[in-house]
Amino acid sequence: MKISIEKAKQICTKSQYGEATWWELLQLNVYLLFSKECSDFSAKNKKLTSLCERAGLDTLSEDDKDDMKKKLKELS
């Protein structure tokens, strides 16, 4: 059940967005019990996610992104 720190960070990020499976969450929680470095990453990631949610950041719609891509292609 041991996972690498890279895998733990990936699962941590997925869990912040509700995309991690229960098995991944179990692996992550076991890993966090033993890894100070990953625990720090998890805490910082939670704080960053919270700040982004409170900031009310808006993103472009898919249509707007496609329009921008087309315009950039026309310019090149």
PDB file of N, CA and C in Angstrom:
ATOM      1  N   MET A   1       0.818  -1.188   0.000  1.00  0.00           N
ATOM      2  CA  MET A   1       0.000   0.000   0.000  1.00  0.00           C
ATOM      3  C   MET A   1       0.866   1.258   0.000  1.00  0.00           C
ATOM      4  N   LYS A   2       2.171   1.098   0.008  1.00  0.00           N
ATOM      5  CA  LYS A   2       3.064   2.250   0.004  1.00  0.00           C
ATOM      6  C   LYS A   2       2.992   2.964  -1.345  1.00  0.00           C
ATOM      7  N   ILE A   3       2.938   4.292  -1.289  1.00  0.00           N
ATOM      8  CA  ILE A   3       2.902   5.096  -2.508  1.00  0.00           C
ATOM      9  C   ILE A   3       4.044   6.104  -2.465  1.00  0.00           C
ATOM     10  N   SER A   4       4.408   6.600  -3.631  1.00  0.00           N
ATOM     11  CA  SER A   4       5.479   7.594  -3.712  1.00  0.00           C
ATOM     12  C   SER A   4       4.943   8.963  -3.298  1.00  0.00           C
ATOM     13  N   ILE A   5       5.863   9.862  -3.015  1.00  0.00           N
ATOM     14  CA  ILE A   5       5.441  11.216  -2.631  1.00  0.00           C
ATOM     15  C   ILE A   5       4.750  11.912  -3.795  1.00  0.00           C
ATOM     16  N   GLU A   6       5.206  11.633  -5.025  1.00  0.00           N
ATOM     17  CA  GLU A   6       4.564  12.241  -6.195  1.00  0.00           C
ATOM     18  C   GLU A   6       3.114  11.775  -6.308  1.00  0.00           C
ATOM     19  N   LYS A   7       2.904  10.472  -6.089  1.00  0.00           N
ATOM     20  CA  LYS A   7       1.551   9.916  -6.145  1.00  0.00           C
ATOM     21  C   LYS A   7       0.697  10.505  -5.015  1.00  0.00           C
ATOM     22  N   ALA A   8       1.284  10.653  -3.834  1.00  0.00           N
ATOM     23  CA  ALA A   8       0.551  11.226  -2.698  1.00  0.00           C
ATOM     24  C   ALA A   8       0.138  12.660  -2.996  1.00  0.00           C
ATOM     25  N   LYS A   9       1.032  13.430  -3.599  1.00  0.00           N
ATOM     26  CA  LYS A   9       0.705  14.815  -3.943  1.00  0.00           C
ATOM     27  C   LYS A   9      -0.408  14.865  -4.986  1.00  0.00           C
ATOM     28  N   GLN A  10      -0.347  13.940  -5.946  1.00  0.00           N
ATOM     29  CA  GLN A  10      -1.382  13.883  -6.980  1.00  0.00           C
ATOM     30  C   GLN A  10      -2.742  13.560  -6.351  1.00  0.00           C
ATOM     31  N   ILE A  11      -2.767  12.586  -5.461  1.00  0.00           N
ATOM     32  CA  ILE A  11      -4.020  12.217  -4.796  1.00  0.00           C
ATOM     33  C   ILE A  11      -4.519  13.372  -3.931  1.00  0.00           C
ATOM     34  N   CYS A  12      -3.600  14.046  -3.263  1.00  0.00           N
ATOM     35  CA  CYS A  12      -3.967  15.189  -2.420  1.00  0.00           C
ATOM     36  C   CYS A  12      -4.670  16.260  -3.247  1.00  0.00           C
ATOM     37  N   THR A  13      -4.103  16.556  -4.395  1.00  0.00           N
ATOM     38  CA  THR A  13      -4.702  17.559  -5.275  1.00  0.00           C
ATOM     39  C   THR A  13      -6.067  17.094  -5.768  1.00  0.00           C
ATOM     40  N   LYS A  14      -6.168  15.823  -6.167  1.00  0.00           N
ATOM     41  CA  LYS A  14      -7.453  15.287  -6.619  1.00  0.00           C
ATOM     42  C   LYS A  14      -8.496  15.355  -5.504  1.00  0.00           C
ATOM     43  N   SER A  15      -8.072  15.080  -4.275  1.00  0.00           N
ATOM     44  CA  SER A  15      -9.030  15.084  -3.165  1.00  0.00           C
ATOM     45  C   SER A  15      -9.566  16.484  -2.891  1.00  0.00           C
ATOM     46  N   GLN A  16      -8.755  17.507  -3.151  1.00  0.00           N
ATOM     47  CA  GLN A  16      -9.201  18.884  -2.947  1.00  0.00           C
ATOM     48  C   GLN A  16     -10.362  19.240  -3.870  1.00  0.00           C
ATOM     49  N   TYR A  17     -10.423  18.579  -5.017  1.00  0.00           N
ATOM     50  CA  TYR A  17     -11.475  18.860  -5.997  1.00  0.00           C
ATOM     51  C   TYR A  17     -12.529  17.759  -6.043  1.00  0.00           C
ATOM     52  N   GLY A  18     -12.492  16.858  -5.064  1.00  0.00           N
ATOM     53  CA  GLY A  18     -13.487  15.800  -4.979  1.00  0.00           C
ATOM     54  C   GLY A  18     -13.363  14.752  -6.061  1.00  0.00           C
ATOM     55  N   GLU A  19     -12.168  14.573  -6.613  1.00  0.00           N
ATOM     56  CA  GLU A  19     -11.972  13.634  -7.711  1.00  0.00           C
ATOM     57  C   GLU A  19     -11.267  12.352  -7.284  1.00  0.00           C
ATOM     58  N   ALA A  20     -10.858  12.246  -6.030  1.00  0.00           N
ATOM     59  CA  ALA A  20     -10.132  11.065  -5.562  1.00  0.00           C
ATOM     60  C   ALA A  20     -11.115   9.962  -5.176  1.00  0.00           C
ATOM     61  N   THR A  21     -10.735   8.725  -5.469  1.00  0.00           N
ATOM     62  CA  THR A  21     -11.563   7.575  -5.089  1.00  0.00           C
ATOM     63  C   THR A  21     -11.366   7.292  -3.604  1.00  0.00           C
ATOM     64  N   TRP A  22     -12.221   6.459  -3.041  1.00  0.00           N
ATOM     65  CA  TRP A  22     -12.082   6.122  -1.620  1.00  0.00           C
ATOM     66  C   TRP A  22     -10.769   5.393  -1.375  1.00  0.00           C
ATOM     67  N   TRP A  23     -10.330   4.569  -2.320  1.00  0.00           N
ATOM     68  CA  TRP A  23      -9.067   3.838  -2.174  1.00  0.00           C
ATOM     69  C   TRP A  23      -7.883   4.814  -2.165  1.00  0.00           C
ATOM     70  N   GLU A  24      -7.925   5.800  -3.044  1.00  0.00           N
ATOM     71  CA  GLU A  24      -6.864   6.804  -3.078  1.00  0.00           C
ATOM     72  C   GLU A  24      -6.837   7.606  -1.774  1.00  0.00           C
ATOM     73  N   LEU A  25      -8.015   7.944  -1.262  1.00  0.00           N
ATOM     74  CA  LEU A  25      -8.084   8.688  -0.001  1.00  0.00           C
ATOM     75  C   LEU A  25      -7.526   7.869   1.158  1.00  0.00           C
ATOM     76  N   LEU A  26      -7.808   6.571   1.153  1.00  0.00           N
ATOM     77  CA  LEU A  26      -7.265   5.691   2.185  1.00  0.00           C
ATOM     78  C   LEU A  26      -5.743   5.650   2.097  1.00  0.00           C
ATOM     79  N   GLN A  27      -5.225   5.478   0.880  1.00  0.00           N
ATOM     80  CA  GLN A  27      -3.776   5.461   0.686  1.00  0.00           C
ATOM     81  C   GLN A  27      -3.157   6.776   1.156  1.00  0.00           C
ATOM     82  N   LEU A  28      -3.781   7.877   0.801  1.00  0.00           N
ATOM     83  CA  LEU A  28      -3.264   9.192   1.173  1.00  0.00           C
ATOM     84  C   LEU A  28      -3.250   9.373   2.686  1.00  0.00           C
ATOM     85  N   ASN A  29      -4.331   9.011   3.350  1.00  0.00           N
ATOM     86  CA  ASN A  29      -4.404   9.186   4.802  1.00  0.00           C
ATOM     87  C   ASN A  29      -3.371   8.338   5.530  1.00  0.00           C
ATOM     88  N   VAL A  30      -3.139   7.128   5.063  1.00  0.00           N
ATOM     89  CA  VAL A  30      -2.095   6.291   5.661  1.00  0.00           C
ATOM     90  C   VAL A  30      -0.739   6.935   5.423  1.00  0.00           C
ATOM     91  N   TYR A  31      -0.525   7.431   4.223  1.00  0.00           N
ATOM     92  CA  TYR A  31       0.748   8.072   3.889  1.00  0.00           C
ATOM     93  C   TYR A  31       0.979   9.319   4.737  1.00  0.00           C
ATOM     94  N   LEU A  32      -0.071  10.100   4.937  1.00  0.00           N
ATOM     95  CA  LEU A  32       0.049  11.338   5.712  1.00  0.00           C
ATOM     96  C   LEU A  32       0.418  11.080   7.173  1.00  0.00           C
ATOM     97  N   LEU A  33       0.054   9.913   7.678  1.00  0.00           N
ATOM     98  CA  LEU A  33       0.411   9.572   9.052  1.00  0.00           C
ATOM     99  C   LEU A  33       1.922   9.486   9.242  1.00  0.00           C
ATOM    100  N   PHE A  34       2.628   9.105   8.177  1.00  0.00           N
ATOM    101  CA  PHE A  34       4.060   8.851   8.290  1.00  0.00           C
ATOM    102  C   PHE A  34       4.940   9.871   7.586  1.00  0.00           C
ATOM    103  N   SER A  35       4.387  10.745   6.789  1.00  0.00           N
ATOM    104  CA  SER A  35       5.201  11.658   5.991  1.00  0.00           C
ATOM    105  C   SER A  35       4.963  13.111   6.382  1.00  0.00           C
ATOM    106  N   LYS A  36       5.935  13.717   6.995  1.00  0.00           N
ATOM    107  CA  LYS A  36       5.854  15.135   7.375  1.00  0.00           C
ATOM    108  C   LYS A  36       5.796  16.018   6.134  1.00  0.00           C
ATOM    109  N   GLU A  37       6.636  15.701   5.137  1.00  0.00           N
ATOM    110  CA  GLU A  37       6.692  16.517   3.919  1.00  0.00           C
ATOM    111  C   GLU A  37       5.341  16.555   3.216  1.00  0.00           C
ATOM    112  N   CYS A  38       4.710  15.418   3.089  1.00  0.00           N
ATOM    113  CA  CYS A  38       3.424  15.367   2.390  1.00  0.00           C
ATOM    114  C   CYS A  38       2.319  16.003   3.243  1.00  0.00           C
ATOM    115  N   SER A  39       2.433  15.887   4.547  1.00  0.00           N
ATOM    116  CA  SER A  39       1.456  16.547   5.419  1.00  0.00           C
ATOM    117  C   SER A  39       1.510  18.058   5.235  1.00  0.00           C
ATOM    118  N   ASP A  40       2.731  18.589   5.125  1.00  0.00           N
ATOM    119  CA  ASP A  40       2.897  20.025   4.879  1.00  0.00           C
ATOM    120  C   ASP A  40       2.302  20.420   3.531  1.00  0.00           C
ATOM    121  N   PHE A  41       2.567  19.606   2.496  1.00  0.00           N
ATOM    122  CA  PHE A  41       2.018  19.864   1.164  1.00  0.00           C
ATOM    123  C   PHE A  41       0.497  19.874   1.223  1.00  0.00           C
ATOM    124  N   SER A  42      -0.070  18.901   1.907  1.00  0.00           N
ATOM    125  CA  SER A  42      -1.525  18.792   2.007  1.00  0.00           C
ATOM    126  C   SER A  42      -2.124  20.023   2.682  1.00  0.00           C
ATOM    127  N   ALA A  43      -1.500  20.477   3.756  1.00  0.00           N
ATOM    128  CA  ALA A  43      -2.002  21.655   4.465  1.00  0.00           C
ATOM    129  C   ALA A  43      -1.931  22.899   3.578  1.00  0.00           C
ATOM    130  N   LYS A  44      -0.817  23.065   2.865  1.00  0.00           N
ATOM    131  CA  LYS A  44      -0.665  24.226   1.974  1.00  0.00           C
ATOM    132  C   LYS A  44      -1.660  24.156   0.819  1.00  0.00           C
ATOM    133  N   ASN A  45      -1.882  22.960   0.296  1.00  0.00           N
ATOM    134  CA  ASN A  45      -2.809  22.780  -0.818  1.00  0.00           C
ATOM    135  C   ASN A  45      -4.239  23.109  -0.383  1.00  0.00           C
ATOM    136  N   LYS A  46      -4.619  22.683   0.816  1.00  0.00           N
ATOM    137  CA  LYS A  46      -5.956  22.996   1.335  1.00  0.00           C
ATOM    138  C   LYS A  46      -6.128  24.506   1.494  1.00  0.00           C
ATOM    139  N   LYS A  47      -5.089  25.161   1.999  1.00  0.00           N
ATOM    140  CA  LYS A  47      -5.153  26.610   2.192  1.00  0.00           C
ATOM    141  C   LYS A  47      -5.281  27.327   0.852  1.00  0.00           C
ATOM    142  N   LEU A  48      -4.496  26.902  -0.142  1.00  0.00           N
ATOM    143  CA  LEU A  48      -4.559  27.507  -1.470  1.00  0.00           C
ATOM    144  C   LEU A  48      -5.935  27.318  -2.096  1.00  0.00           C
ATOM    145  N   THR A  49      -6.478  26.118  -1.990  1.00  0.00           N
ATOM    146  CA  THR A  49      -7.809  25.848  -2.534  1.00  0.00           C
ATOM    147  C   THR A  49      -8.849  26.731  -1.861  1.00  0.00           C
ATOM    148  N   SER A  50      -8.753  26.869  -0.554  1.00  0.00           N
ATOM    149  CA  SER A  50      -9.693  27.709   0.188  1.00  0.00           C
ATOM    150  C   SER A  50      -9.596  29.167  -0.254  1.00  0.00           C
ATOM    151  N   LEU A  51      -8.380  29.665  -0.418  1.00  0.00           N
ATOM    152  CA  LEU A  51      -8.194  31.048  -0.857  1.00  0.00           C
ATOM    153  C   LEU A  51      -8.761  31.274  -2.255  1.00  0.00           C
ATOM    154  N   CYS A  52      -8.540  30.321  -3.145  1.00  0.00           N
ATOM    155  CA  CYS A  52      -9.064  30.443  -4.517  1.00  0.00           C
ATOM    156  C   CYS A  52     -10.586  30.445  -4.521  1.00  0.00           C
ATOM    157  N   GLU A  53     -11.188  29.602  -3.685  1.00  0.00           N
ATOM    158  CA  GLU A  53     -12.650  29.556  -3.620  1.00  0.00           C
ATOM    159  C   GLU A  53     -13.212  30.864  -3.068  1.00  0.00           C
ATOM    160  N   ARG A  54     -12.574  31.417  -2.050  1.00  0.00           N
ATOM    161  CA  ARG A  54     -13.051  32.670  -1.458  1.00  0.00           C
ATOM    162  C   ARG A  54     -12.843  33.861  -2.379  1.00  0.00           C
ATOM    163  N   ALA A  55     -11.849  33.773  -3.258  1.00  0.00           N
ATOM    164  CA  ALA A  55     -11.560  34.889  -4.159  1.00  0.00           C
ATOM    165  C   ALA A  55     -12.624  35.030  -5.237  1.00  0.00           C
ATOM    166  N   GLY A  56     -13.403  33.977  -5.454  1.00  0.00           N
ATOM    167  CA  GLY A  56     -14.448  34.039  -6.471  1.00  0.00           C
ATOM    168  C   GLY A  56     -13.882  34.217  -7.868  1.00  0.00           C
ATOM    169  N   LEU A  57     -12.813  33.497  -8.156  1.00  0.00           N
ATOM    170  CA  LEU A  57     -12.163  33.618  -9.456  1.00  0.00           C
ATOM    171  C   LEU A  57     -13.068  33.118 -10.571  1.00  0.00           C
ATOM    172  N   ASP A  58     -13.078  33.838 -11.664  1.00  0.00           N
ATOM    173  CA  ASP A  58     -13.850  33.429 -12.833  1.00  0.00           C
ATOM    174  C   ASP A  58     -12.893  32.941 -13.905  1.00  0.00           C
ATOM    175  N   THR A  59     -13.353  31.982 -14.685  1.00  0.00           N
ATOM    176  CA  THR A  59     -12.546  31.477 -15.795  1.00  0.00           C
ATOM    177  C   THR A  59     -13.320  31.655 -17.091  1.00  0.00           C
ATOM    178  N   LEU A  60     -12.607  31.558 -18.174  1.00  0.00           N
ATOM    179  CA  LEU A  60     -13.250  31.675 -19.480  1.00  0.00           C
ATOM    180  C   LEU A  60     -14.077  30.436 -19.776  1.00  0.00           C
ATOM    181  N   SER A  61     -15.159  30.634 -20.491  1.00  0.00           N
ATOM    182  CA  SER A  61     -15.954  29.491 -20.928  1.00  0.00           C
ATOM    183  C   SER A  61     -15.191  28.768 -22.039  1.00  0.00           C
ATOM    184  N   GLU A  62     -15.597  27.561 -22.326  1.00  0.00           N
ATOM    185  CA  GLU A  62     -14.940  26.786 -23.390  1.00  0.00           C
ATOM    186  C   GLU A  62     -15.072  27.493 -24.735  1.00  0.00           C
ATOM    187  N   ASP A  63     -16.224  28.119 -24.980  1.00  0.00           N
ATOM    188  CA  ASP A  63     -16.423  28.849 -26.238  1.00  0.00           C
ATOM    189  C   ASP A  63     -15.452  30.023 -26.350  1.00  0.00           C
ATOM    190  N   ASP A  64     -15.287  30.752 -25.253  1.00  0.00           N
ATOM    191  CA  ASP A  64     -14.344  31.876 -25.259  1.00  0.00           C
ATOM    192  C   ASP A  64     -12.914  31.396 -25.487  1.00  0.00           C
ATOM    193  N   LYS A  65     -12.561  30.271 -24.879  1.00  0.00           N
ATOM    194  CA  LYS A  65     -11.219  29.711 -25.073  1.00  0.00           C
ATOM    195  C   LYS A  65     -11.002  29.326 -26.533  1.00  0.00           C
ATOM    196  N   ASP A  66     -12.009  28.690 -27.121  1.00  0.00           N
ATOM    197  CA  ASP A  66     -11.903  28.293 -28.531  1.00  0.00           C
ATOM    198  C   ASP A  66     -11.756  29.512 -29.434  1.00  0.00           C
ATOM    199  N   ASP A  67     -12.530  30.563 -29.153  1.00  0.00           N
ATOM    200  CA  ASP A  67     -12.424  31.796 -29.938  1.00  0.00           C
ATOM    201  C   ASP A  67     -11.024  32.393 -29.841  1.00  0.00           C
ATOM    202  N   MET A  68     -10.465  32.405 -28.644  1.00  0.00           N
ATOM    203  CA  MET A  68      -9.117  32.945 -28.462  1.00  0.00           C
ATOM    204  C   MET A  68      -8.082  32.118 -29.220  1.00  0.00           C
ATOM    205  N   LYS A  69      -8.242  30.798 -29.185  1.00  0.00           N
ATOM    206  CA  LYS A  69      -7.311  29.924 -29.905  1.00  0.00           C
ATOM    207  C   LYS A  69      -7.370  30.191 -31.407  1.00  0.00           C
ATOM    208  N   LYS A  70      -8.582  30.357 -31.928  1.00  0.00           N
ATOM    209  CA  LYS A  70      -8.736  30.636 -33.357  1.00  0.00           C
ATOM    210  C   LYS A  70      -8.077  31.962 -33.730  1.00  0.00           C
ATOM    211  N   LYS A  71      -8.287  32.966 -32.905  1.00  0.00           N
ATOM    212  CA  LYS A  71      -7.693  34.277 -33.178  1.00  0.00           C
ATOM    213  C   LYS A  71      -6.171  34.218 -33.119  1.00  0.00           C
ATOM    214  N   LEU A  72      -5.632  33.459 -32.179  1.00  0.00           N
ATOM    215  CA  LEU A  72      -4.177  33.316 -32.084  1.00  0.00           C
ATOM    216  C   LEU A  72      -3.604  32.597 -33.302  1.00  0.00           C
ATOM    217  N   LYS A  73      -4.328  31.592 -33.783  1.00  0.00           N
ATOM    218  CA  LYS A  73      -3.869  30.872 -34.979  1.00  0.00           C
ATOM    219  C   LYS A  73      -3.892  31.785 -36.198  1.00  0.00           C
ATOM    220  N   GLU A  74      -4.899  32.633 -36.273  1.00  0.00           N
ATOM    221  CA  GLU A  74      -4.995  33.564 -37.397  1.00  0.00           C
ATOM    222  C   GLU A  74      -3.844  34.566 -37.378  1.00  0.00           C
ATOM    223  N   LEU A  75      -3.403  34.953 -36.197  1.00  0.00           N
ATOM    224  CA  LEU A  75      -2.316  35.917 -36.070  1.00  0.00           C
ATOM    225  C   LEU A  75      -0.947  35.312 -36.385  1.00  0.00           C
ATOM    226  N   SER A  76      -0.810  33.997 -36.231  1.00  0.00           N
ATOM    227  CA  SER A  76       0.504  33.397 -36.478  1.00  0.00           C
ATOM    228  C   SER A  76       0.694  32.946 -37.890  1.00  0.00           C
TER     229      SER A  76
END
